Amino acid sequence: MTLASAIDRLRLAEADWTEALDAHIYAEPNPEFARRLRAFADASDRQREAFQYAAEEGLGWKAVPHEPGGRPAPYELSAGSGRVGPAGLWDRFDRAFAAWDRSLEGTDIRQIAAGFAELAAIARELADAVDDQRAGAPAGGRQPAKRGA
């Protein structure tokens, strides 16, 4: 693997990330919310993989200047937008998004990758919780799939 390959991975992951964020910016409230959350999680995972690979290849990161108030999440993912799902998970998401944002102000690529990993994990939990809530599942979430048969 090469440094050029690491840069290519970062560019591709950034394109996926931008597309996932844009889907939340322009979304209308609808049953596709959980799907958009999963796409966000997948894009976050691709970013994590790309940043981890870049770190392994020795690629540096130029700190991104702090924005007053931080970089906001897309409206659909922001507090006050009428988000569907457990408030506790959304609190975790908000903290993870803020931590990821702060990580961009530093130069530690591995910390940025960890921020994307946390966002991916929470977004998947939220997607499952949204599906469960909309399906009327009892609190406690999904039942494990049965094997065999």
C-alpha atoms as a PDB file:
ATOM      1  CA  MET A   1       0.000   0.000   0.000  1.00  0.00           C
ATOM      2  CA  THR A   2       1.127   3.536  -0.613  1.00  0.00           C
ATOM      3  CA  LEU A   3       0.650   7.081   0.530  1.00  0.00           C
ATOM      4  CA  ALA A   4      -1.207   7.794  -2.725  1.00  0.00           C
ATOM      5  CA  SER A   5      -3.568   4.934  -1.916  1.00  0.00           C
ATOM      6  CA  ALA A   6      -4.216   6.439   1.527  1.00  0.00           C
ATOM      7  CA  ILE A   7      -5.031   9.808  -0.032  1.00  0.00           C
ATOM      8  CA  ASP A   8      -7.379   8.138  -2.546  1.00  0.00           C
ATOM      9  CA  ARG A   9      -9.170   6.298   0.255  1.00  0.00           C
ATOM     10  CA  LEU A  10      -9.620   9.539   2.172  1.00  0.00           C
ATOM     11  CA  ARG A  11     -11.076  11.265  -0.891  1.00  0.00           C
ATOM     12  CA  LEU A  12     -13.533   8.439  -1.581  1.00  0.00           C
ATOM     13  CA  ALA A  13     -14.572   8.243   2.069  1.00  0.00           C
ATOM     14  CA  GLU A  14     -15.051  12.014   2.163  1.00  0.00           C
ATOM     15  CA  ALA A  15     -17.363  11.812  -0.869  1.00  0.00           C
ATOM     16  CA  ASP A  16     -19.470   9.112   0.856  1.00  0.00           C
ATOM     17  CA  TRP A  17     -19.532  11.163   4.073  1.00  0.00           C
ATOM     18  CA  THR A  18     -20.665  14.295   2.232  1.00  0.00           C
ATOM     19  CA  GLU A  19     -23.410  12.359   0.455  1.00  0.00           C
ATOM     20  CA  ALA A  20     -24.645  10.893   3.753  1.00  0.00           C
ATOM     21  CA  LEU A  21     -24.679  14.318   5.422  1.00  0.00           C
ATOM     22  CA  ASP A  22     -26.466  15.867   2.453  1.00  0.00           C
ATOM     23  CA  ALA A  23     -29.168  13.188   2.700  1.00  0.00           C
ATOM     24  CA  HIS A  24     -29.940  14.463   6.207  1.00  0.00           C
ATOM     25  CA  ILE A  25     -29.755  18.124   5.245  1.00  0.00           C
ATOM     26  CA  TYR A  26     -32.391  17.849   2.527  1.00  0.00           C
ATOM     27  CA  ALA A  27     -34.543  15.121   4.024  1.00  0.00           C
ATOM     28  CA  GLU A  28     -38.229  15.379   4.663  1.00  0.00           C
ATOM     29  CA  PRO A  29     -39.525  13.574   7.751  1.00  0.00           C
ATOM     30  CA  ASN A  30     -40.421  10.108   6.514  1.00  0.00           C
ATOM     31  CA  PRO A  31     -39.960   6.392   7.180  1.00  0.00           C
ATOM     32  CA  GLU A  32     -36.580   6.480   5.403  1.00  0.00           C
ATOM     33  CA  PHE A  33     -34.958   8.088   8.457  1.00  0.00           C
ATOM     34  CA  ALA A  34     -33.510   4.788   9.748  1.00  0.00           C
ATOM     35  CA  ARG A  35     -32.097   4.038   6.287  1.00  0.00           C
ATOM     36  CA  ARG A  36     -30.410   7.462   6.242  1.00  0.00           C
ATOM     37  CA  LEU A  37     -28.992   6.803   9.714  1.00  0.00           C
ATOM     38  CA  ARG A  38     -27.524   3.510   8.468  1.00  0.00           C
ATOM     39  CA  ALA A  39     -26.041   5.258   5.434  1.00  0.00           C
ATOM     40  CA  PHE A  40     -24.520   7.813   7.830  1.00  0.00           C
ATOM     41  CA  ALA A  41     -23.095   4.943   9.906  1.00  0.00           C
ATOM     42  CA  ASP A  42     -21.658   3.257   6.803  1.00  0.00           C
ATOM     43  CA  ALA A  43     -20.087   6.521   5.627  1.00  0.00           C
ATOM     44  CA  SER A  44     -18.642   7.063   9.107  1.00  0.00           C
ATOM     45  CA  ASP A  45     -17.145   3.557   8.983  1.00  0.00           C
ATOM     46  CA  ARG A  46     -15.564   4.269   5.589  1.00  0.00           C
ATOM     47  CA  GLN A  47     -14.092   7.462   7.028  1.00  0.00           C
ATOM     48  CA  ARG A  48     -12.765   5.513  10.030  1.00  0.00           C
ATOM     49  CA  GLU A  49     -11.146   2.937   7.765  1.00  0.00           C
ATOM     50  CA  ALA A  50      -9.626   5.609   5.531  1.00  0.00           C
ATOM     51  CA  PHE A  51      -8.221   7.590   8.463  1.00  0.00           C
ATOM     52  CA  GLN A  52      -6.831   4.446  10.107  1.00  0.00           C
ATOM     53  CA  TYR A  53      -5.169   3.455   6.851  1.00  0.00           C
ATOM     54  CA  ALA A  54      -3.786   6.978   6.408  1.00  0.00           C
ATOM     55  CA  ALA A  55      -2.322   6.811   9.921  1.00  0.00           C
ATOM     56  CA  GLU A  56      -0.692   3.454   9.152  1.00  0.00           C
ATOM     57  CA  GLU A  57       0.843   4.969   6.011  1.00  0.00           C
ATOM     58  CA  GLY A  58       2.220   7.901   7.969  1.00  0.00           C
ATOM     59  CA  LEU A  59      -0.018  10.533   6.437  1.00  0.00           C
ATOM     60  CA  GLY A  60      -0.276  13.725   8.463  1.00  0.00           C
ATOM     61  CA  TRP A  61      -3.332  15.801   9.238  1.00  0.00           C
ATOM     62  CA  LYS A  62      -3.496  19.554   9.130  1.00  0.00           C
ATOM     63  CA  ALA A  63      -5.654  20.832  11.963  1.00  0.00           C
ATOM     64  CA  VAL A  64      -8.938  22.392  10.864  1.00  0.00           C
ATOM     65  CA  PRO A  65      -9.584  25.752  12.535  1.00  0.00           C
ATOM     66  CA  HIS A  66     -12.249  25.880  15.212  1.00  0.00           C
ATOM     67  CA  GLU A  67     -15.608  27.210  14.106  1.00  0.00           C
ATOM     68  CA  PRO A  68     -17.526  29.300  16.646  1.00  0.00           C
ATOM     69  CA  GLY A  69     -20.046  26.972  18.241  1.00  0.00           C
ATOM     70  CA  GLY A  70     -18.550  23.992  16.403  1.00  0.00           C
ATOM     71  CA  ARG A  71     -19.600  22.421  13.131  1.00  0.00           C
ATOM     72  CA  PRO A  72     -23.309  21.663  13.336  1.00  0.00           C
ATOM     73  CA  ALA A  73     -24.780  18.299  12.506  1.00  0.00           C
ATOM     74  CA  PRO A  74     -27.276  18.354   9.632  1.00  0.00           C
ATOM     75  CA  TYR A  75     -30.634  19.692  10.793  1.00  0.00           C
ATOM     76  CA  GLU A  76     -32.362  16.298  10.793  1.00  0.00           C
ATOM     77  CA  LEU A  77     -29.688  15.031  13.214  1.00  0.00           C
ATOM     78  CA  SER A  78     -29.732  18.134  15.422  1.00  0.00           C
ATOM     79  CA  ALA A  79     -31.456  18.665  18.736  1.00  0.00           C
ATOM     80  CA  GLY A  80     -34.723  20.505  18.269  1.00  0.00           C
ATOM     81  CA  SER A  81     -35.486  18.897  14.913  1.00  0.00           C
ATOM     82  CA  GLY A  82     -37.998  16.431  16.339  1.00  0.00           C
ATOM     83  CA  ARG A  83     -35.594  13.481  16.201  1.00  0.00           C
ATOM     84  CA  VAL A  84     -37.196  10.072  16.503  1.00  0.00           C
ATOM     85  CA  GLY A  85     -35.612   7.602  18.903  1.00  0.00           C
ATOM     86  CA  PRO A  86     -34.434   7.391  22.515  1.00  0.00           C
ATOM     87  CA  ALA A  87     -33.281  10.693  24.003  1.00  0.00           C
ATOM     88  CA  GLY A  88     -30.352   8.975  25.734  1.00  0.00           C
ATOM     89  CA  LEU A  89     -28.982   7.695  22.430  1.00  0.00           C
ATOM     90  CA  TRP A  90     -29.382  11.132  20.894  1.00  0.00           C
ATOM     91  CA  ASP A  91     -27.480  12.636  23.819  1.00  0.00           C
ATOM     92  CA  ARG A  92     -24.657  10.173  23.127  1.00  0.00           C
ATOM     93  CA  PHE A  93     -24.794  11.083  19.434  1.00  0.00           C
ATOM     94  CA  ASP A  94     -24.575  14.807  20.221  1.00  0.00           C
ATOM     95  CA  ARG A  95     -21.554  14.257  22.481  1.00  0.00           C
ATOM     96  CA  ALA A  96     -19.873  11.999  19.897  1.00  0.00           C
ATOM     97  CA  PHE A  97     -20.486  14.504  17.110  1.00  0.00           C
ATOM     98  CA  ALA A  98     -19.000  17.303  19.219  1.00  0.00           C
ATOM     99  CA  ALA A  99     -15.978  15.132  20.110  1.00  0.00           C
ATOM    100  CA  TRP A 100     -15.449  14.224  16.448  1.00  0.00           C
ATOM    101  CA  ASP A 101     -15.655  17.919  15.555  1.00  0.00           C
ATOM    102  CA  ARG A 102     -13.026  18.782  18.194  1.00  0.00           C
ATOM    103  CA  SER A 103     -10.773  15.986  16.916  1.00  0.00           C
ATOM    104  CA  LEU A 104     -10.521  17.786  13.560  1.00  0.00           C
ATOM    105  CA  GLU A 105      -8.875  20.705  15.348  1.00  0.00           C
ATOM    106  CA  GLY A 106      -5.920  18.504  16.291  1.00  0.00           C
ATOM    107  CA  THR A 107      -3.400  16.547  14.255  1.00  0.00           C
ATOM    108  CA  ASP A 108      -4.019  13.017  15.568  1.00  0.00           C
ATOM    109  CA  ILE A 109      -5.472  10.993  12.678  1.00  0.00           C
ATOM    110  CA  ARG A 110      -6.154   8.034  14.955  1.00  0.00           C
ATOM    111  CA  GLN A 111      -8.318  10.246  17.196  1.00  0.00           C
ATOM    112  CA  ILE A 112     -10.318  11.369  14.151  1.00  0.00           C
ATOM    113  CA  ALA A 113     -10.773   7.716  13.141  1.00  0.00           C
ATOM    114  CA  ALA A 114     -11.988   6.909  16.676  1.00  0.00           C
ATOM    115  CA  GLY A 115     -14.516   9.739  16.423  1.00  0.00           C
ATOM    116  CA  PHE A 116     -15.895   8.299  13.203  1.00  0.00           C
ATOM    117  CA  ALA A 117     -16.066   4.827  14.813  1.00  0.00           C
ATOM    118  CA  GLU A 118     -18.141   6.202  17.696  1.00  0.00           C
ATOM    119  CA  LEU A 119     -20.494   8.030  15.323  1.00  0.00           C
ATOM    120  CA  ALA A 120     -20.970   4.855  13.264  1.00  0.00           C
ATOM    121  CA  ALA A 121     -21.793   2.733  16.303  1.00  0.00           C
ATOM    122  CA  ILE A 122     -24.300   5.206  17.745  1.00  0.00           C
ATOM    123  CA  ALA A 123     -25.963   5.841  14.370  1.00  0.00           C
ATOM    124  CA  ARG A 124     -26.531   2.087  13.955  1.00  0.00           C
ATOM    125  CA  GLU A 125     -28.044   1.867  17.441  1.00  0.00           C
ATOM    126  CA  LEU A 126     -30.281   4.808  16.615  1.00  0.00           C
ATOM    127  CA  ALA A 127     -31.378   3.268  13.308  1.00  0.00           C
ATOM    128  CA  ASP A 128     -32.368   0.054  15.097  1.00  0.00           C
ATOM    129  CA  ALA A 129     -34.173   2.013  17.818  1.00  0.00           C
ATOM    130  CA  VAL A 130     -36.051   4.084  15.233  1.00  0.00           C
ATOM    131  CA  ASP A 131     -37.130   0.930  13.395  1.00  0.00           C
ATOM    132  CA  ASP A 132     -38.231  -0.635  16.679  1.00  0.00           C
ATOM    133  CA  GLN A 133     -40.121   2.491  17.744  1.00  0.00           C
ATOM    134  CA  ARG A 134     -41.917   2.752  14.433  1.00  0.00           C
ATOM    135  CA  ALA A 135     -42.763  -0.953  14.493  1.00  0.00           C
ATOM    136  CA  GLY A 136     -44.155  -0.633  18.019  1.00  0.00           C
ATOM    137  CA  ALA A 137     -41.552  -2.954  19.524  1.00  0.00           C
ATOM    138  CA  PRO A 138     -41.450  -3.103  23.325  1.00  0.00           C
ATOM    139  CA  ALA A 139     -38.779  -1.126  25.152  1.00  0.00           C
ATOM    140  CA  GLY A 140     -35.578  -3.118  25.198  1.00  0.00           C
ATOM    141  CA  GLY A 141     -35.289  -3.441  21.481  1.00  0.00           C
ATOM    142  CA  ARG A 142     -34.993  -6.179  18.974  1.00  0.00           C
ATOM    143  CA  GLN A 143     -35.194  -9.862  19.654  1.00  0.00           C
ATOM    144  CA  PRO A 144     -32.277 -11.989  18.435  1.00  0.00           C
ATOM    145  CA  ALA A 145     -32.940 -13.811  15.179  1.00  0.00           C
ATOM    146  CA  LYS A 146     -33.718 -17.514  15.548  1.00  0.00           C
ATOM    147  CA  ARG A 147     -31.284 -19.948  13.988  1.00  0.00           C
ATOM    148  CA  GLY A 148     -32.095 -22.991  12.002  1.00  0.00           C
ATOM    149  CA  ALA A 149     -35.548 -24.139  10.948  1.00  0.00           C
END
